[in-house]
Amino acid sequence: MAASVGTGAAYLLDPDRRTTIPFGIASFRLAGFVIWPFGRKAVERPDAGAPSCIGNVVWLVFAGWWLALMHLITSIPLFISIIGIPFGWANLKLIPVSLMPLGREIVSTDEPWGAR
């Protein structure tokens, strides 16, 4: 039984087979970006095709609009305090990727963490 668990993990980590669960991969990509959005940004993948567009429409209807709304609502009180301003900007940066996460990837920026 342990061999099947290891095989499943290898199945999920194989880049050729990750396309079988796009909403799960997009959720984990979004979660990693939420945990640490500083020094990273979301860019559109040029090889994303029609399935990611259709998936984004489904995501937008069922999950994307309220995730984006919650990021917008939580950014407002964060801007009130000086300490919360970077986190408010991070929440605003999460809105586009929470609206349509399929066909995007998170890449590191060359900017230092506190630079704006």
N, C-alpha and C. Protein backbone atom coordinates (compact mmCIF):
# COMPACT_ATOMS: atom_id res chain seq x y z
N MET A 1 0.81 -1.19 0.00
CA MET A 1 0.00 0.00 0.00
C MET A 1 0.86 1.26 0.00
N ALA A 2 2.01 1.20 0.66
CA ALA A 2 2.89 2.37 0.68
C ALA A 2 3.41 2.67 -0.72
N ALA A 3 3.58 1.64 -1.54
CA ALA A 3 4.07 1.87 -2.89
C ALA A 3 3.05 2.64 -3.73
N SER A 4 1.77 2.39 -3.49
CA SER A 4 0.76 3.10 -4.26
C SER A 4 0.68 4.57 -3.86
N VAL A 5 0.96 4.87 -2.59
CA VAL A 5 0.97 6.27 -2.17
C VAL A 5 2.14 6.99 -2.81
N GLY A 6 3.30 6.37 -2.84
CA GLY A 6 4.45 6.97 -3.49
C GLY A 6 4.23 7.15 -4.98
N THR A 7 3.57 6.19 -5.59
CA THR A 7 3.28 6.29 -7.01
C THR A 7 2.31 7.43 -7.27
N GLY A 8 1.34 7.63 -6.38
CA GLY A 8 0.40 8.73 -6.53
C GLY A 8 1.08 10.07 -6.41
N ALA A 9 2.02 10.17 -5.48
CA ALA A 9 2.76 11.43 -5.33
C ALA A 9 3.61 11.69 -6.57
N ALA A 10 4.22 10.64 -7.10
CA ALA A 10 5.01 10.81 -8.32
C ALA A 10 4.11 11.18 -9.49
N TYR A 11 2.89 10.66 -9.47
CA TYR A 11 1.93 10.98 -10.52
C TYR A 11 1.57 12.46 -10.48
N LEU A 12 1.39 13.01 -9.28
CA LEU A 12 1.04 14.42 -9.16
C LEU A 12 2.20 15.34 -9.47
N LEU A 13 3.42 14.90 -9.22
CA LEU A 13 4.58 15.75 -9.45
C LEU A 13 5.09 15.69 -10.88
N ASP A 14 4.61 14.75 -11.65
CA ASP A 14 5.02 14.64 -13.04
C ASP A 14 4.38 15.78 -13.85
N PRO A 15 5.18 16.65 -14.48
CA PRO A 15 4.60 17.80 -15.18
C PRO A 15 3.69 17.42 -16.34
N ASP A 16 3.88 16.25 -16.93
CA ASP A 16 3.04 15.86 -18.04
C ASP A 16 1.65 15.42 -17.60
N ARG A 17 1.52 15.04 -16.35
CA ARG A 17 0.24 14.52 -15.88
C ARG A 17 -0.51 15.48 -14.98
N ARG A 18 0.04 16.65 -14.72
CA ARG A 18 -0.65 17.61 -13.86
C ARG A 18 -1.88 18.20 -14.52
N THR A 19 -2.01 18.06 -15.80
CA THR A 19 -3.16 18.64 -16.49
C THR A 19 -4.44 17.87 -16.23
N THR A 20 -4.36 16.74 -15.55
CA THR A 20 -5.57 15.96 -15.30
C THR A 20 -6.41 16.55 -14.17
N ILE A 21 -5.82 17.34 -13.29
CA ILE A 21 -6.57 17.95 -12.20
C ILE A 21 -6.30 19.46 -12.18
N PRO A 22 -6.78 20.20 -13.17
CA PRO A 22 -6.41 21.61 -13.28
C PRO A 22 -6.94 22.48 -12.15
N PHE A 23 -8.14 22.20 -11.64
CA PHE A 23 -8.67 23.03 -10.58
C PHE A 23 -7.91 22.81 -9.27
N GLY A 24 -7.47 21.59 -9.03
CA GLY A 24 -6.68 21.31 -7.83
C GLY A 24 -5.32 21.98 -7.90
N ILE A 25 -4.67 21.90 -9.04
CA ILE A 25 -3.37 22.54 -9.22
C ILE A 25 -3.51 24.06 -9.12
N ALA A 26 -4.57 24.61 -9.70
CA ALA A 26 -4.80 26.05 -9.61
C ALA A 26 -5.06 26.48 -8.17
N SER A 27 -5.75 25.64 -7.41
CA SER A 27 -6.00 25.96 -6.00
C SER A 27 -4.71 25.98 -5.20
N PHE A 28 -3.85 25.01 -5.43
CA PHE A 28 -2.58 24.98 -4.71
C PHE A 28 -1.66 26.12 -5.16
N ARG A 29 -1.70 26.47 -6.45
CA ARG A 29 -0.91 27.61 -6.94
C ARG A 29 -1.39 28.90 -6.27
N LEU A 30 -2.69 29.05 -6.17
CA LEU A 30 -3.26 30.23 -5.53
C LEU A 30 -2.93 30.25 -4.04
N ALA A 31 -2.98 29.10 -3.38
CA ALA A 31 -2.66 29.03 -1.96
C ALA A 31 -1.20 29.39 -1.70
N GLY A 32 -0.29 28.92 -2.54
CA GLY A 32 1.12 29.28 -2.37
C GLY A 32 1.37 30.75 -2.58
N PHE A 33 0.63 31.35 -3.50
CA PHE A 33 0.77 32.78 -3.76
C PHE A 33 0.17 33.60 -2.62
N VAL A 34 -0.89 33.09 -2.00
CA VAL A 34 -1.50 33.77 -0.86
C VAL A 34 -0.58 33.73 0.35
N ILE A 35 0.09 32.60 0.56
CA ILE A 35 0.98 32.47 1.71
C ILE A 35 2.14 33.46 1.63
N TRP A 36 2.73 33.62 0.47
CA TRP A 36 3.85 34.55 0.32
C TRP A 36 3.79 35.24 -1.04
N PRO A 37 3.06 36.37 -1.14
CA PRO A 37 2.95 37.06 -2.43
C PRO A 37 4.08 38.03 -2.72
N PHE A 38 4.93 38.30 -1.74
CA PHE A 38 5.97 39.31 -1.90
C PHE A 38 7.11 38.77 -2.74
N GLY A 39 7.56 39.55 -3.73
CA GLY A 39 8.65 39.15 -4.60
C GLY A 39 8.24 38.19 -5.69
N ARG A 40 6.95 37.99 -5.86
CA ARG A 40 6.46 37.10 -6.91
C ARG A 40 5.28 37.78 -7.61
N LYS A 41 5.01 37.35 -8.81
CA LYS A 41 3.87 37.88 -9.53
C LYS A 41 3.29 36.79 -10.42
N ALA A 42 2.04 36.97 -10.79
CA ALA A 42 1.36 36.01 -11.66
C ALA A 42 1.44 36.51 -13.10
N VAL A 43 1.87 35.65 -13.99
CA VAL A 43 1.94 35.99 -15.41
C VAL A 43 1.15 34.95 -16.20
N GLU A 44 0.62 35.38 -17.33
CA GLU A 44 -0.12 34.46 -18.18
C GLU A 44 0.83 33.57 -18.95
N ARG A 45 0.47 32.31 -19.05
CA ARG A 45 1.28 31.36 -19.82
C ARG A 45 0.88 31.47 -21.27
N PRO A 46 1.85 31.58 -22.18
CA PRO A 46 1.50 31.70 -23.60
C PRO A 46 0.95 30.41 -24.19
N ASP A 47 1.22 29.27 -23.57
CA ASP A 47 0.75 28.00 -24.12
C ASP A 47 -0.62 27.60 -23.61
N ALA A 48 -1.28 28.45 -22.81
CA ALA A 48 -2.63 28.14 -22.32
C ALA A 48 -3.62 28.27 -23.47
N GLY A 49 -4.48 27.30 -23.59
CA GLY A 49 -5.39 27.29 -24.73
C GLY A 49 -6.84 27.43 -24.31
N ALA A 50 -7.70 26.89 -25.14
CA ALA A 50 -9.13 26.99 -24.93
C ALA A 50 -9.61 26.27 -23.68
N PRO A 51 -9.05 25.10 -23.30
CA PRO A 51 -9.52 24.46 -22.06
C PRO A 51 -9.30 25.33 -20.82
N SER A 52 -8.20 26.06 -20.77
CA SER A 52 -8.00 26.92 -19.61
C SER A 52 -8.96 28.10 -19.64
N CYS A 53 -9.33 28.57 -20.80
CA CYS A 53 -10.32 29.64 -20.91
C CYS A 53 -11.69 29.16 -20.43
N ILE A 54 -12.09 27.98 -20.85
CA ILE A 54 -13.36 27.40 -20.39
C ILE A 54 -13.32 27.14 -18.90
N GLY A 55 -12.19 26.62 -18.42
CA GLY A 55 -12.04 26.38 -16.98
C GLY A 55 -12.08 27.67 -16.18
N ASN A 56 -11.51 28.74 -16.73
CA ASN A 56 -11.57 30.03 -16.04
C ASN A 56 -13.00 30.55 -15.94
N VAL A 57 -13.81 30.32 -16.95
CA VAL A 57 -15.21 30.74 -16.88
C VAL A 57 -15.94 29.96 -15.80
N VAL A 58 -15.71 28.65 -15.74
CA VAL A 58 -16.33 27.84 -14.68
C VAL A 58 -15.83 28.30 -13.31
N TRP A 59 -14.52 28.54 -13.18
CA TRP A 59 -13.94 29.01 -11.91
C TRP A 59 -14.54 30.36 -11.53
N LEU A 60 -14.67 31.27 -12.47
CA LEU A 60 -15.21 32.60 -12.21
C LEU A 60 -16.64 32.51 -11.68
N VAL A 61 -17.45 31.65 -12.26
CA VAL A 61 -18.84 31.53 -11.83
C VAL A 61 -18.95 30.93 -10.44
N PHE A 62 -18.18 29.88 -10.15
CA PHE A 62 -18.36 29.17 -8.89
C PHE A 62 -17.46 29.65 -7.76
N ALA A 63 -16.29 30.18 -8.03
CA ALA A 63 -15.37 30.53 -6.95
C ALA A 63 -14.69 31.88 -7.11
N GLY A 64 -14.41 32.27 -8.32
CA GLY A 64 -13.55 33.43 -8.56
C GLY A 64 -14.11 34.75 -8.10
N TRP A 65 -15.39 34.99 -8.36
CA TRP A 65 -15.94 36.31 -8.04
C TRP A 65 -15.96 36.56 -6.55
N TRP A 66 -16.30 35.56 -5.74
CA TRP A 66 -16.33 35.82 -4.30
C TRP A 66 -14.94 35.83 -3.70
N LEU A 67 -13.99 35.11 -4.26
CA LEU A 67 -12.60 35.22 -3.79
C LEU A 67 -12.05 36.62 -4.06
N ALA A 68 -12.31 37.13 -5.26
CA ALA A 68 -11.85 38.48 -5.60
C ALA A 68 -12.53 39.53 -4.72
N LEU A 69 -13.82 39.36 -4.47
CA LEU A 69 -14.54 40.29 -3.61
C LEU A 69 -14.00 40.28 -2.19
N MET A 70 -13.68 39.10 -1.67
CA MET A 70 -13.13 39.01 -0.31
C MET A 70 -11.73 39.63 -0.23
N HIS A 71 -10.93 39.46 -1.28
CA HIS A 71 -9.61 40.11 -1.29
C HIS A 71 -9.76 41.62 -1.29
N LEU A 72 -10.73 42.12 -2.04
CA LEU A 72 -10.98 43.56 -2.08
C LEU A 72 -11.48 44.06 -0.72
N ILE A 73 -12.41 43.35 -0.12
CA ILE A 73 -12.96 43.77 1.18
C ILE A 73 -11.91 43.72 2.28
N THR A 74 -11.07 42.69 2.29
CA THR A 74 -10.05 42.61 3.35
C THR A 74 -8.90 43.58 3.12
N SER A 75 -8.71 44.06 1.90
CA SER A 75 -7.63 45.02 1.68
C SER A 75 -7.98 46.40 2.25
N ILE A 76 -9.25 46.73 2.30
CA ILE A 76 -9.66 48.06 2.78
C ILE A 76 -9.24 48.30 4.22
N PRO A 77 -9.55 47.42 5.19
CA PRO A 77 -9.08 47.69 6.55
C PRO A 77 -7.57 47.59 6.71
N LEU A 78 -6.91 46.83 5.85
CA LEU A 78 -5.45 46.73 5.94
C LEU A 78 -4.78 48.04 5.58
N PHE A 79 -5.37 48.82 4.70
CA PHE A 79 -4.79 50.11 4.32
C PHE A 79 -4.92 51.16 5.42
N ILE A 80 -5.74 50.92 6.41
CA ILE A 80 -5.92 51.91 7.48
C ILE A 80 -4.67 52.03 8.34
N SER A 81 -4.03 50.92 8.66
CA SER A 81 -2.82 50.99 9.49
C SER A 81 -1.58 51.00 8.61
N ILE A 82 -0.54 51.60 9.11
CA ILE A 82 0.72 51.67 8.36
C ILE A 82 1.33 50.28 8.19
N ILE A 83 1.22 49.46 9.20
CA ILE A 83 1.78 48.12 9.13
C ILE A 83 1.03 47.27 8.11
N GLY A 84 -0.26 47.50 7.91
CA GLY A 84 -1.05 46.68 7.01
C GLY A 84 -1.00 47.07 5.56
N ILE A 85 -0.36 48.21 5.22
CA ILE A 85 -0.34 48.67 3.83
C ILE A 85 0.29 47.64 2.87
N PRO A 86 1.43 47.04 3.18
CA PRO A 86 1.97 46.03 2.25
C PRO A 86 1.04 44.83 2.07
N PHE A 87 0.34 44.47 3.13
CA PHE A 87 -0.59 43.35 3.03
C PHE A 87 -1.84 43.74 2.24
N GLY A 88 -2.23 45.00 2.32
CA GLY A 88 -3.32 45.49 1.49
C GLY A 88 -2.96 45.45 0.02
N TRP A 89 -1.73 45.85 -0.31
CA TRP A 89 -1.26 45.77 -1.70
C TRP A 89 -1.20 44.31 -2.15
N ALA A 90 -0.78 43.43 -1.24
CA ALA A 90 -0.71 42.01 -1.59
C ALA A 90 -2.10 41.46 -1.87
N ASN A 91 -3.09 41.89 -1.08
CA ASN A 91 -4.46 41.45 -1.35
C ASN A 91 -4.96 41.94 -2.69
N LEU A 92 -4.64 43.17 -3.05
CA LEU A 92 -5.05 43.69 -4.36
C LEU A 92 -4.34 42.96 -5.49
N LYS A 93 -3.09 42.54 -5.24
CA LYS A 93 -2.33 41.80 -6.24
C LYS A 93 -2.91 40.40 -6.46
N LEU A 94 -3.64 39.88 -5.48
CA LEU A 94 -4.21 38.55 -5.58
C LEU A 94 -5.54 38.52 -6.33
N ILE A 95 -6.14 39.66 -6.58
CA ILE A 95 -7.46 39.69 -7.23
C ILE A 95 -7.43 39.09 -8.64
N PRO A 96 -6.51 39.48 -9.54
CA PRO A 96 -6.56 38.89 -10.89
C PRO A 96 -6.33 37.39 -10.92
N VAL A 97 -5.44 36.90 -10.08
CA VAL A 97 -5.16 35.46 -10.09
C VAL A 97 -6.28 34.68 -9.40
N SER A 98 -7.00 35.30 -8.48
CA SER A 98 -8.12 34.59 -7.87
C SER A 98 -9.35 34.61 -8.78
N LEU A 99 -9.44 35.57 -9.68
CA LEU A 99 -10.54 35.58 -10.65
C LEU A 99 -10.36 34.49 -11.70
N MET A 100 -9.17 34.41 -12.27
CA MET A 100 -8.91 33.46 -13.36
C MET A 100 -7.52 32.84 -13.18
N PRO A 101 -7.41 31.76 -12.40
CA PRO A 101 -6.09 31.20 -12.12
C PRO A 101 -5.55 30.24 -13.17
N LEU A 102 -6.40 29.69 -14.01
CA LEU A 102 -5.92 28.72 -14.99
C LEU A 102 -5.23 29.45 -16.14
N GLY A 103 -4.14 28.89 -16.59
CA GLY A 103 -3.36 29.53 -17.66
C GLY A 103 -2.41 30.58 -17.13
N ARG A 104 -2.15 30.57 -15.84
CA ARG A 104 -1.20 31.50 -15.24
C ARG A 104 -0.17 30.71 -14.46
N GLU A 105 0.97 31.34 -14.25
CA GLU A 105 1.98 30.75 -13.38
C GLU A 105 2.57 31.85 -12.52
N ILE A 106 3.08 31.45 -11.37
CA ILE A 106 3.67 32.38 -10.42
C ILE A 106 5.17 32.37 -10.64
N VAL A 107 5.75 33.55 -10.90
CA VAL A 107 7.18 33.67 -11.14
C VAL A 107 7.78 34.66 -10.15
N SER A 108 9.06 34.50 -9.89
CA SER A 108 9.77 35.42 -9.02
C SER A 108 10.09 36.71 -9.77
N THR A 109 10.05 37.81 -9.05
CA THR A 109 10.46 39.08 -9.64
C THR A 109 11.88 39.38 -9.21
N ASP A 110 12.52 40.27 -9.90
CA ASP A 110 13.87 40.65 -9.54
C ASP A 110 13.92 41.78 -8.52
N GLU A 111 12.73 42.28 -8.15
CA GLU A 111 12.68 43.37 -7.18
C GLU A 111 13.00 42.84 -5.79
N PRO A 112 13.68 43.64 -4.97
CA PRO A 112 13.81 43.26 -3.58
C PRO A 112 12.45 43.28 -2.90
N TRP A 113 12.35 42.66 -1.73
CA TRP A 113 11.06 42.47 -1.07
C TRP A 113 10.37 43.79 -0.75
N GLY A 114 11.05 44.80 -0.28
CA GLY A 114 10.42 46.04 0.12
C GLY A 114 10.37 47.10 -0.97
N ALA A 115 10.86 46.82 -2.15
CA ALA A 115 10.91 47.83 -3.22
C ALA A 115 9.53 47.99 -3.85
N ARG A 116 9.22 49.18 -4.22
CA ARG A 116 7.96 49.48 -4.90
C ARG A 116 8.20 50.48 -5.97
